[in-house]
Amino acid sequence: MAPLPHPRRASLSWEDFSSDEEILVNNREFQNFARRRNDQVTEMQHELGRLENDSEHVINAYHGADRALAEVKREKAAAEAAWEKEKTELMARHCREQSMLREQIVREKRRADREAAGAVGLRAKLERSRCQVADSNRKIAEYDMDDKTEALQTPSRKRKRDEMFRPPYGNIPVAVEDNLEAQGKDGGPR
């Protein structure tokens, strides 16, 4: 009798079961095949459960990553808003400081211009004073020359001039000196 095909390799048909003994043998083979199939199905169900569990973990991880991404986006938006606010404040402060610096520069320039104008005025005034002093000195020199010339020509005038500055009283005018001499050295009359 030809051997029966293995149930895992070929499908069973009614022609394979020709006698009771063969039916029993084939029944045992079929039961073993069915048991193996059931084990495979059970293992596949376990694997499917593991896959479902893993997929649930993956979905949870995806949702967690999605929530984390949303949180990162919110933090990024908050950081950008804070940076925009800080940048606006910095720009406003920079503009204020620049404006104050410009005003200070203008004030310093005006003060320097006033001081320069004052210095020019003082220089002109000093120059006028120098001219006046030189003119006065020239007039005094001319007067002295005239006086000396007249003193040489007029002895009384020379004597009067010499008496105005005679010792011991130095440059005390003659009228005051004569008054002191009239009072005496002790302040009393002579």
N, C-alpha and C. Protein backbone atom coordinates (compact mmCIF):
# COMPACT_ATOMS: atom_id res chain seq x y z
N MET A 1 0.85 -1.18 0.00
CA MET A 1 0.00 0.00 0.00
C MET A 1 0.89 1.23 0.00
N ALA A 2 0.52 2.19 -0.80
CA ALA A 2 1.32 3.42 -0.93
C ALA A 2 1.14 4.28 0.31
N PRO A 3 2.24 4.94 0.75
CA PRO A 3 2.11 5.80 1.96
C PRO A 3 1.22 7.00 1.69
N LEU A 4 0.54 7.37 2.75
CA LEU A 4 -0.36 8.53 2.66
C LEU A 4 0.46 9.83 2.63
N PRO A 5 -0.02 10.80 1.90
CA PRO A 5 0.70 12.10 1.92
C PRO A 5 0.57 12.78 3.29
N HIS A 6 1.62 13.44 3.65
CA HIS A 6 1.60 14.14 4.96
C HIS A 6 0.60 15.29 4.92
N PRO A 7 -0.18 15.43 5.97
CA PRO A 7 -1.20 16.50 5.95
C PRO A 7 -0.62 17.90 5.81
N ARG A 8 0.61 18.12 6.25
CA ARG A 8 1.22 19.44 6.15
C ARG A 8 1.67 19.73 4.73
N ARG A 9 1.83 18.63 3.93
CA ARG A 9 2.32 18.83 2.59
C ARG A 9 1.21 18.81 1.54
N ALA A 10 0.14 18.16 1.87
CA ALA A 10 -0.96 18.05 0.88
C ALA A 10 -2.29 18.02 1.61
N SER A 11 -3.33 18.41 0.92
CA SER A 11 -4.65 18.39 1.53
C SER A 11 -5.22 16.96 1.50
N LEU A 12 -6.06 16.64 2.46
CA LEU A 12 -6.67 15.30 2.55
C LEU A 12 -7.93 15.24 1.70
N SER A 13 -8.18 14.08 1.20
CA SER A 13 -9.42 13.85 0.44
C SER A 13 -10.04 12.52 0.86
N TRP A 14 -11.30 12.26 0.48
CA TRP A 14 -11.98 11.02 0.90
C TRP A 14 -11.32 9.80 0.28
N GLU A 15 -10.67 9.92 -0.82
CA GLU A 15 -10.03 8.77 -1.44
C GLU A 15 -8.87 8.25 -0.61
N ASP A 16 -8.31 9.08 0.26
CA ASP A 16 -7.18 8.65 1.11
C ASP A 16 -7.63 7.70 2.21
N PHE A 17 -8.89 7.69 2.53
CA PHE A 17 -9.39 6.87 3.64
C PHE A 17 -10.10 5.62 3.04
N SER A 18 -9.33 4.59 2.76
CA SER A 18 -9.90 3.39 2.13
C SER A 18 -10.31 2.31 3.11
N SER A 19 -9.76 2.34 4.34
CA SER A 19 -10.11 1.31 5.33
C SER A 19 -10.20 1.94 6.70
N ASP A 20 -10.75 1.17 7.64
CA ASP A 20 -10.88 1.69 9.01
C ASP A 20 -9.52 1.98 9.62
N GLU A 21 -8.58 1.05 9.35
CA GLU A 21 -7.23 1.27 9.91
C GLU A 21 -6.62 2.53 9.35
N GLU A 22 -6.80 2.68 8.05
CA GLU A 22 -6.26 3.89 7.44
C GLU A 22 -6.97 5.13 7.97
N ILE A 23 -8.28 4.98 8.20
CA ILE A 23 -9.03 6.11 8.74
C ILE A 23 -8.50 6.47 10.11
N LEU A 24 -8.21 5.45 10.95
CA LEU A 24 -7.68 5.73 12.29
C LEU A 24 -6.30 6.39 12.19
N VAL A 25 -5.48 5.85 11.29
CA VAL A 25 -4.14 6.43 11.14
C VAL A 25 -4.25 7.87 10.65
N ASN A 26 -5.09 8.00 9.65
CA ASN A 26 -5.25 9.36 9.10
C ASN A 26 -5.90 10.29 10.11
N ASN A 27 -6.79 9.73 10.92
CA ASN A 27 -7.43 10.54 11.96
C ASN A 27 -6.39 11.04 12.96
N ARG A 28 -5.47 10.13 13.34
CA ARG A 28 -4.41 10.55 14.27
C ARG A 28 -3.52 11.61 13.63
N GLU A 29 -3.21 11.37 12.35
CA GLU A 29 -2.40 12.37 11.64
C GLU A 29 -3.14 13.71 11.55
N PHE A 30 -4.45 13.60 11.28
CA PHE A 30 -5.23 14.83 11.16
C PHE A 30 -5.32 15.55 12.50
N GLN A 31 -5.49 14.73 13.57
CA GLN A 31 -5.55 15.34 14.91
C GLN A 31 -4.21 16.01 15.25
N ASN A 32 -3.13 15.30 14.91
CA ASN A 32 -1.81 15.93 15.15
C ASN A 32 -1.66 17.21 14.32
N PHE A 33 -2.11 17.10 13.06
CA PHE A 33 -2.05 18.28 12.19
C PHE A 33 -2.91 19.41 12.74
N ALA A 34 -4.15 19.01 13.19
CA ALA A 34 -5.06 20.03 13.75
C ALA A 34 -4.48 20.62 15.02
N ARG A 35 -3.85 19.78 15.84
CA ARG A 35 -3.24 20.29 17.07
C ARG A 35 -2.11 21.25 16.75
N ARG A 36 -1.29 20.85 15.77
CA ARG A 36 -0.21 21.76 15.38
C ARG A 36 -0.76 23.06 14.81
N ARG A 37 -1.83 22.91 14.01
CA ARG A 37 -2.46 24.12 13.47
C ARG A 37 -3.01 25.00 14.59
N ASN A 38 -3.65 24.33 15.56
CA ASN A 38 -4.18 25.11 16.70
C ASN A 38 -3.05 25.79 17.46
N ASP A 39 -1.95 25.07 17.63
CA ASP A 39 -0.80 25.69 18.30
C ASP A 39 -0.29 26.89 17.49
N GLN A 40 -0.23 26.66 16.16
CA GLN A 40 0.21 27.78 15.32
C GLN A 40 -0.75 28.96 15.41
N VAL A 41 -2.07 28.62 15.38
CA VAL A 41 -3.06 29.70 15.49
C VAL A 41 -2.94 30.40 16.83
N THR A 42 -2.75 29.59 17.90
CA THR A 42 -2.59 30.20 19.24
C THR A 42 -1.35 31.10 19.28
N GLU A 43 -0.26 30.57 18.69
CA GLU A 43 0.96 31.37 18.66
C GLU A 43 0.77 32.65 17.84
N MET A 44 0.05 32.49 16.70
CA MET A 44 -0.22 33.67 15.88
C MET A 44 -1.11 34.67 16.62
N GLN A 45 -2.09 34.12 17.41
CA GLN A 45 -2.94 35.02 18.20
C GLN A 45 -2.12 35.75 19.26
N HIS A 46 -1.20 34.97 19.89
CA HIS A 46 -0.31 35.63 20.87
C HIS A 46 0.54 36.70 20.18
N GLU A 47 1.06 36.36 19.01
CA GLU A 47 1.87 37.33 18.27
C GLU A 47 1.04 38.55 17.89
N LEU A 48 -0.21 38.28 17.47
CA LEU A 48 -1.10 39.38 17.14
C LEU A 48 -1.38 40.25 18.36
N GLY A 49 -1.57 39.59 19.52
CA GLY A 49 -1.76 40.37 20.75
C GLY A 49 -0.54 41.22 21.08
N ARG A 50 0.66 40.58 20.90
CA ARG A 50 1.87 41.36 21.14
C ARG A 50 1.97 42.54 20.17
N LEU A 51 1.62 42.27 18.90
CA LEU A 51 1.67 43.35 17.91
C LEU A 51 0.66 44.45 18.24
N GLU A 52 -0.54 44.03 18.67
CA GLU A 52 -1.53 45.03 19.06
C GLU A 52 -1.05 45.84 20.25
N ASN A 53 -0.43 45.12 21.21
CA ASN A 53 0.12 45.83 22.38
C ASN A 53 1.23 46.78 21.96
N ASP A 54 2.11 46.27 21.06
CA ASP A 54 3.18 47.15 20.58
C ASP A 54 2.62 48.33 19.80
N SER A 55 1.60 48.05 18.97
CA SER A 55 1.00 49.16 18.22
C SER A 55 0.36 50.17 19.15
N GLU A 56 -0.24 49.68 20.25
CA GLU A 56 -0.81 50.61 21.23
C GLU A 56 0.29 51.45 21.87
N HIS A 57 1.40 50.78 22.18
CA HIS A 57 2.54 51.54 22.73
C HIS A 57 3.04 52.57 21.71
N VAL A 58 3.10 52.13 20.44
CA VAL A 58 3.55 53.05 19.39
C VAL A 58 2.60 54.23 19.26
N ILE A 59 1.28 53.92 19.29
CA ILE A 59 0.29 55.00 19.19
C ILE A 59 0.40 55.94 20.38
N ASN A 60 0.56 55.36 21.58
CA ASN A 60 0.73 56.21 22.77
C ASN A 60 2.00 57.05 22.66
N ALA A 61 3.08 56.41 22.17
CA ALA A 61 4.32 57.17 21.99
C ALA A 61 4.14 58.27 20.95
N TYR A 62 3.38 57.95 19.89
CA TYR A 62 3.12 58.97 18.86
C TYR A 62 2.33 60.14 19.45
N HIS A 63 1.29 59.79 20.22
CA HIS A 63 0.50 60.87 20.85
C HIS A 63 1.36 61.67 21.83
N GLY A 64 2.23 60.96 22.59
CA GLY A 64 3.14 61.67 23.50
C GLY A 64 4.08 62.59 22.74
N ALA A 65 4.63 62.07 21.62
CA ALA A 65 5.51 62.91 20.81
C ALA A 65 4.74 64.10 20.22
N ASP A 66 3.48 63.84 19.83
CA ASP A 66 2.66 64.93 19.30
C ASP A 66 2.41 65.99 20.36
N ARG A 67 2.11 65.53 21.59
CA ARG A 67 1.91 66.50 22.69
C ARG A 67 3.21 67.25 22.99
N ALA A 68 4.33 66.52 23.00
CA ALA A 68 5.62 67.18 23.25
C ALA A 68 5.93 68.20 22.15
N LEU A 69 5.61 67.83 20.89
CA LEU A 69 5.83 68.76 19.79
C LEU A 69 4.96 70.01 19.94
N ALA A 70 3.69 69.80 20.34
CA ALA A 70 2.81 70.95 20.57
C ALA A 70 3.35 71.83 21.70
N GLU A 71 3.88 71.20 22.76
CA GLU A 71 4.45 71.97 23.87
C GLU A 71 5.68 72.75 23.41
N VAL A 72 6.51 72.08 22.59
CA VAL A 72 7.70 72.77 22.06
C VAL A 72 7.29 73.94 21.18
N LYS A 73 6.23 73.74 20.38
CA LYS A 73 5.76 74.84 19.53
C LYS A 73 5.24 76.00 20.37
N ARG A 74 4.51 75.67 21.46
CA ARG A 74 4.03 76.73 22.35
C ARG A 74 5.20 77.47 22.99
N GLU A 75 6.20 76.70 23.48
CA GLU A 75 7.37 77.34 24.09
C GLU A 75 8.12 78.20 23.07
N LYS A 76 8.21 77.69 21.83
CA LYS A 76 8.89 78.46 20.78
C LYS A 76 8.13 79.76 20.50
N ALA A 77 6.79 79.66 20.42
CA ALA A 77 6.00 80.87 20.18
C ALA A 77 6.15 81.86 21.33
N ALA A 78 6.14 81.33 22.58
CA ALA A 78 6.32 82.22 23.74
C ALA A 78 7.70 82.86 23.72
N ALA A 79 8.74 82.06 23.38
CA ALA A 79 10.10 82.62 23.32
C ALA A 79 10.21 83.66 22.22
N GLU A 80 9.58 83.40 21.06
CA GLU A 80 9.62 84.39 19.98
C GLU A 80 8.90 85.67 20.38
N ALA A 81 7.74 85.52 21.07
CA ALA A 81 7.02 86.72 21.52
C ALA A 81 7.85 87.50 22.53
N ALA A 82 8.49 86.77 23.47
CA ALA A 82 9.34 87.45 24.46
C ALA A 82 10.51 88.15 23.78
N TRP A 83 11.10 87.47 22.78
CA TRP A 83 12.23 88.08 22.07
C TRP A 83 11.78 89.32 21.29
N GLU A 84 10.61 89.24 20.66
CA GLU A 84 10.10 90.41 19.94
C GLU A 84 9.88 91.57 20.89
N LYS A 85 9.29 91.26 22.06
CA LYS A 85 9.05 92.31 23.05
C LYS A 85 10.37 92.92 23.52
N GLU A 86 11.33 92.03 23.85
CA GLU A 86 12.64 92.53 24.32
C GLU A 86 13.35 93.32 23.22
N LYS A 87 13.24 92.83 21.96
CA LYS A 87 13.88 93.54 20.85
C LYS A 87 13.25 94.92 20.66
N THR A 88 11.91 94.98 20.80
CA THR A 88 11.23 96.27 20.68
C THR A 88 11.69 97.22 21.78
N GLU A 89 11.76 96.69 23.02
CA GLU A 89 12.21 97.54 24.14
C GLU A 89 13.65 97.99 23.93
N LEU A 90 14.50 97.06 23.47
CA LEU A 90 15.90 97.43 23.23
C LEU A 90 16.02 98.49 22.14
N MET A 91 15.25 98.33 21.07
CA MET A 91 15.29 99.33 20.00
C MET A 91 14.79 100.68 20.49
N ALA A 92 13.69 100.66 21.30
CA ALA A 92 13.17 101.92 21.83
C ALA A 92 14.19 102.58 22.75
N ARG A 93 14.83 101.77 23.62
CA ARG A 93 15.84 102.34 24.52
C ARG A 93 17.04 102.87 23.74
N HIS A 94 17.44 102.12 22.71
CA HIS A 94 18.56 102.57 21.88
C HIS A 94 18.21 103.89 21.19
N CYS A 95 16.97 104.00 20.69
CA CYS A 95 16.56 105.25 20.03
C CYS A 95 16.54 106.40 21.03
N ARG A 96 16.04 106.12 22.26
CA ARG A 96 16.02 107.17 23.29
C ARG A 96 17.44 107.61 23.64
N GLU A 97 18.33 106.63 23.85
CA GLU A 97 19.72 106.98 24.20
C GLU A 97 20.39 107.74 23.05
N GLN A 98 20.10 107.31 21.81
CA GLN A 98 20.70 108.00 20.66
C GLN A 98 20.18 109.43 20.56
N SER A 99 18.86 109.60 20.82
CA SER A 99 18.29 110.95 20.79
C SER A 99 18.89 111.82 21.89
N MET A 100 19.01 111.25 23.11
CA MET A 100 19.62 112.00 24.21
C MET A 100 21.06 112.36 23.89
N LEU A 101 21.78 111.42 23.27
CA LEU A 101 23.17 111.70 22.91
C LEU A 101 23.25 112.80 21.86
N ARG A 102 22.33 112.76 20.88
CA ARG A 102 22.31 113.84 19.88
C ARG A 102 22.04 115.18 20.54
N GLU A 103 21.02 115.21 21.45
CA GLU A 103 20.71 116.47 22.14
C GLU A 103 21.90 116.96 22.96
N GLN A 104 22.59 116.02 23.63
CA GLN A 104 23.76 116.41 24.41
C GLN A 104 24.86 116.96 23.51
N ILE A 105 25.05 116.32 22.35
CA ILE A 105 26.07 116.81 21.41
C ILE A 105 25.71 118.21 20.93
N VAL A 106 24.41 118.43 20.63
CA VAL A 106 23.98 119.76 20.18
C VAL A 106 24.22 120.78 21.28
N ARG A 107 23.85 120.41 22.54
CA ARG A 107 24.07 121.34 23.66
C ARG A 107 25.55 121.65 23.84
N GLU A 108 26.39 120.61 23.79
CA GLU A 108 27.83 120.82 23.94
C GLU A 108 28.38 121.70 22.81
N LYS A 109 27.88 121.47 21.59
CA LYS A 109 28.34 122.28 20.46
C LYS A 109 27.93 123.74 20.64
N ARG A 110 26.67 123.95 21.09
CA ARG A 110 26.23 125.33 21.31
C ARG A 110 27.05 126.00 22.42
N ARG A 111 27.31 125.23 23.50
CA ARG A 111 28.12 125.79 24.58
C ARG A 111 29.52 126.12 24.09
N ALA A 112 30.10 125.18 23.30
CA ALA A 112 31.43 125.44 22.75
C ALA A 112 31.42 126.66 21.83
N ASP A 113 30.33 126.78 21.03
CA ASP A 113 30.23 127.96 20.16
C ASP A 113 30.12 129.24 20.98
N ARG A 114 29.30 129.17 22.06
CA ARG A 114 29.20 130.36 22.92
C ARG A 114 30.54 130.70 23.56
N GLU A 115 31.23 129.66 24.05
CA GLU A 115 32.54 129.91 24.66
C GLU A 115 33.52 130.45 23.63
N ALA A 116 33.46 129.89 22.41
CA ALA A 116 34.36 130.39 21.37
C ALA A 116 34.02 131.84 21.02
N ALA A 117 32.70 132.14 20.93
CA ALA A 117 32.31 133.53 20.67
C ALA A 117 32.74 134.44 21.81
N GLY A 118 32.57 133.94 23.06
CA GLY A 118 33.03 134.72 24.20
C GLY A 118 34.53 134.93 24.19
N ALA A 119 35.25 133.86 23.79
CA ALA A 119 36.71 133.99 23.71
C ALA A 119 37.10 135.00 22.63
N VAL A 120 36.36 134.97 21.52
CA VAL A 120 36.65 135.96 20.47
C VAL A 120 36.36 137.36 20.98
N GLY A 121 35.22 137.50 21.71
CA GLY A 121 34.89 138.81 22.29
C GLY A 121 35.93 139.26 23.29
N LEU A 122 36.36 138.31 24.15
CA LEU A 122 37.40 138.66 25.13
C LEU A 122 38.70 139.02 24.44
N ARG A 123 39.01 138.27 23.37
CA ARG A 123 40.23 138.58 22.64
C ARG A 123 40.16 139.98 22.03
N ALA A 124 38.98 140.29 21.48
CA ALA A 124 38.82 141.63 20.89
C ALA A 124 38.89 142.70 21.98
N LYS A 125 38.24 142.40 23.12
CA LYS A 125 38.28 143.37 24.23
C LYS A 125 39.70 143.54 24.73
N LEU A 126 40.43 142.39 24.84
CA LEU A 126 41.82 142.47 25.28
C LEU A 126 42.66 143.26 24.28
N GLU A 127 42.38 143.04 23.00
CA GLU A 127 43.13 143.78 21.99
C GLU A 127 42.83 145.28 22.08
N ARG A 128 41.54 145.60 22.31
CA ARG A 128 41.20 147.01 22.48
C ARG A 128 41.88 147.60 23.71
N SER A 129 41.90 146.80 24.81
CA SER A 129 42.58 147.27 26.03
C SER A 129 44.06 147.49 25.77
N ARG A 130 44.67 146.54 25.03
CA ARG A 130 46.09 146.71 24.72
C ARG A 130 46.32 147.97 23.88
N CYS A 131 45.43 148.17 22.93
CA CYS A 131 45.56 149.38 22.11
C CYS A 131 45.41 150.64 22.97
N GLN A 132 44.43 150.58 23.91
CA GLN A 132 44.23 151.74 24.79
C GLN A 132 45.45 151.96 25.68
N VAL A 133 46.00 150.84 26.22
CA VAL A 133 47.20 150.97 27.07
C VAL A 133 48.37 151.51 26.25
N ALA A 134 48.54 150.97 25.04
CA ALA A 134 49.63 151.48 24.19
C ALA A 134 49.43 152.95 23.87
N ASP A 135 48.17 153.31 23.59
CA ASP A 135 47.88 154.71 23.30
C ASP A 135 48.16 155.58 24.52
N SER A 136 47.73 155.07 25.71
CA SER A 136 48.00 155.82 26.95
C SER A 136 49.49 155.94 27.19
N ASN A 137 50.22 154.83 27.01
CA ASN A 137 51.67 154.88 27.21
C ASN A 137 52.33 155.86 26.23
N ARG A 138 51.81 155.84 24.99
CA ARG A 138 52.37 156.77 24.01
C ARG A 138 52.10 158.21 24.43
N LYS A 139 50.87 158.46 24.91
CA LYS A 139 50.55 159.82 25.35
C LYS A 139 51.38 160.22 26.56
N ILE A 140 51.56 159.25 27.49
CA ILE A 140 52.39 159.54 28.67
C ILE A 140 53.82 159.84 28.25
N ALA A 141 54.32 159.01 27.32
CA ALA A 141 55.70 159.25 26.85
C ALA A 141 55.81 160.60 26.18
N GLU A 142 54.80 160.92 25.37
CA GLU A 142 54.82 162.24 24.74
C GLU A 142 54.75 163.35 25.78
N TYR A 143 53.91 163.16 26.80
CA TYR A 143 53.81 164.16 27.86
C TYR A 143 55.13 164.30 28.60
N ASP A 144 55.78 163.12 28.89
CA ASP A 144 57.06 163.16 29.59
C ASP A 144 58.11 163.89 28.75
N MET A 145 58.11 163.60 27.45
CA MET A 145 59.07 164.28 26.60
C MET A 145 58.81 165.79 26.57
N ASP A 146 57.54 166.13 26.45
CA ASP A 146 57.21 167.56 26.47
C ASP A 146 57.57 168.17 27.81
N ASP A 147 57.29 167.41 28.88
CA ASP A 147 57.57 167.91 30.23
C ASP A 147 59.07 168.11 30.43
N LYS A 148 59.85 167.11 29.96
CA LYS A 148 61.30 167.23 30.11
C LYS A 148 61.84 168.40 29.29
N THR A 149 61.29 168.53 28.10
CA THR A 149 61.74 169.65 27.26
C THR A 149 61.41 170.98 27.92
N GLU A 150 60.18 171.08 28.44
CA GLU A 150 59.79 172.32 29.12
C GLU A 150 60.59 172.52 30.40
N ALA A 151 60.92 171.42 31.09
CA ALA A 151 61.69 171.55 32.33
C ALA A 151 63.09 172.08 32.05
N LEU A 152 63.66 171.62 30.93
CA LEU A 152 64.97 172.15 30.59
C LEU A 152 64.89 173.63 30.23
N GLN A 153 63.78 173.99 29.64
CA GLN A 153 63.64 175.39 29.25
C GLN A 153 63.20 176.25 30.43
N THR A 154 62.40 175.69 31.34
CA THR A 154 61.87 176.48 32.46
C THR A 154 62.37 175.88 33.76
N PRO A 155 63.35 176.49 34.44
CA PRO A 155 63.88 175.90 35.68
C PRO A 155 62.83 175.79 36.77
N SER A 156 61.92 176.70 36.86
CA SER A 156 60.92 176.63 37.93
C SER A 156 60.02 175.40 37.76
N ARG A 157 59.68 175.06 36.53
CA ARG A 157 58.84 173.88 36.28
C ARG A 157 59.60 172.60 36.62
N LYS A 158 60.91 172.57 36.28
CA LYS A 158 61.71 171.41 36.63
C LYS A 158 61.82 171.27 38.13
N ARG A 159 62.02 172.37 38.82
CA ARG A 159 62.11 172.34 40.26
C ARG A 159 60.80 171.84 40.88
N LYS A 160 59.69 172.31 40.34
CA LYS A 160 58.40 171.87 40.86
C LYS A 160 58.21 170.36 40.65
N ARG A 161 58.64 169.88 39.50
CA ARG A 161 58.50 168.44 39.23
C ARG A 161 59.40 167.64 40.16
N ASP A 162 60.63 168.09 40.38
CA ASP A 162 61.51 167.37 41.28
C ASP A 162 61.00 167.40 42.71
N GLU A 163 60.37 168.48 43.10
CA GLU A 163 59.86 168.58 44.45
C GLU A 163 58.67 167.64 44.68
N MET A 164 57.96 167.31 43.61
CA MET A 164 56.80 166.42 43.77
C MET A 164 57.22 165.02 44.21
N PHE A 165 58.44 164.59 43.90
CA PHE A 165 58.86 163.23 44.21
C PHE A 165 60.16 163.22 45.01
N ARG A 166 60.34 164.15 45.95
CA ARG A 166 61.58 164.17 46.72
C ARG A 166 61.43 163.30 47.98
N PRO A 167 62.55 162.76 48.51
CA PRO A 167 62.50 161.98 49.75
C PRO A 167 62.22 162.91 50.91
N PRO A 168 61.83 162.39 52.08
CA PRO A 168 61.76 160.96 52.43
C PRO A 168 60.40 160.33 52.13
N TYR A 169 59.47 161.05 51.56
CA TYR A 169 58.12 160.50 51.41
C TYR A 169 57.86 159.91 50.03
N GLY A 170 58.88 159.77 49.24
CA GLY A 170 58.75 159.10 47.96
C GLY A 170 57.83 159.83 47.02
N ASN A 171 56.78 159.14 46.60
CA ASN A 171 55.90 159.70 45.59
C ASN A 171 54.70 160.40 46.19
N ILE A 172 54.81 160.87 47.46
CA ILE A 172 53.70 161.62 48.06
C ILE A 172 53.69 163.00 47.44
N PRO A 173 52.54 163.48 47.01
CA PRO A 173 52.49 164.82 46.40
C PRO A 173 53.01 165.90 47.33
N VAL A 174 53.47 166.99 46.76
CA VAL A 174 54.10 168.07 47.54
C VAL A 174 53.14 168.67 48.54
N ALA A 175 51.90 168.82 48.16
CA ALA A 175 50.93 169.45 49.07
C ALA A 175 50.78 168.63 50.33
N VAL A 176 50.69 167.31 50.18
CA VAL A 176 50.56 166.44 51.36
C VAL A 176 51.85 166.45 52.15
N GLU A 177 53.00 166.42 51.45
CA GLU A 177 54.29 166.41 52.14
C GLU A 177 54.49 167.71 52.92
N ASP A 178 54.17 168.83 52.31
CA ASP A 178 54.31 170.11 53.01
C ASP A 178 53.40 170.17 54.21
N ASN A 179 52.23 169.57 54.09
CA ASN A 179 51.30 169.55 55.22
C ASN A 179 51.88 168.73 56.35
N LEU A 180 52.52 167.58 56.02
CA LEU A 180 53.15 166.76 57.06
C LEU A 180 54.32 167.50 57.70
N GLU A 181 55.12 168.19 56.88
CA GLU A 181 56.24 168.94 57.43
C GLU A 181 55.76 170.10 58.30
N ALA A 182 54.63 170.68 57.93
CA ALA A 182 54.08 171.78 58.73
C ALA A 182 53.64 171.29 60.09
N GLN A 183 53.19 170.01 60.16
CA GLN A 183 52.74 169.46 61.45
C GLN A 183 53.91 169.01 62.30
N GLY A 184 55.07 168.77 61.71
CA GLY A 184 56.21 168.32 62.46
C GLY A 184 56.27 166.80 62.50
N LYS A 185 57.41 166.29 62.95
CA LYS A 185 57.58 164.84 62.98
C LYS A 185 56.68 164.19 64.00
N ASP A 186 56.40 164.88 65.10
CA ASP A 186 55.55 164.28 66.13
C ASP A 186 54.08 164.55 65.89
N GLY A 187 53.75 165.12 64.74
CA GLY A 187 52.36 165.39 64.44
C GLY A 187 51.91 166.75 64.92
N GLY A 188 52.73 167.47 65.69
CA GLY A 188 52.36 168.79 66.17
C GLY A 188 52.85 169.88 65.25
N PRO A 189 52.47 171.07 65.47
CA PRO A 189 52.94 172.17 64.61
C PRO A 189 54.40 172.43 64.83
N ARG A 190 55.08 172.99 63.84
CA ARG A 190 56.52 173.28 63.93
C ARG A 190 56.75 174.48 64.77
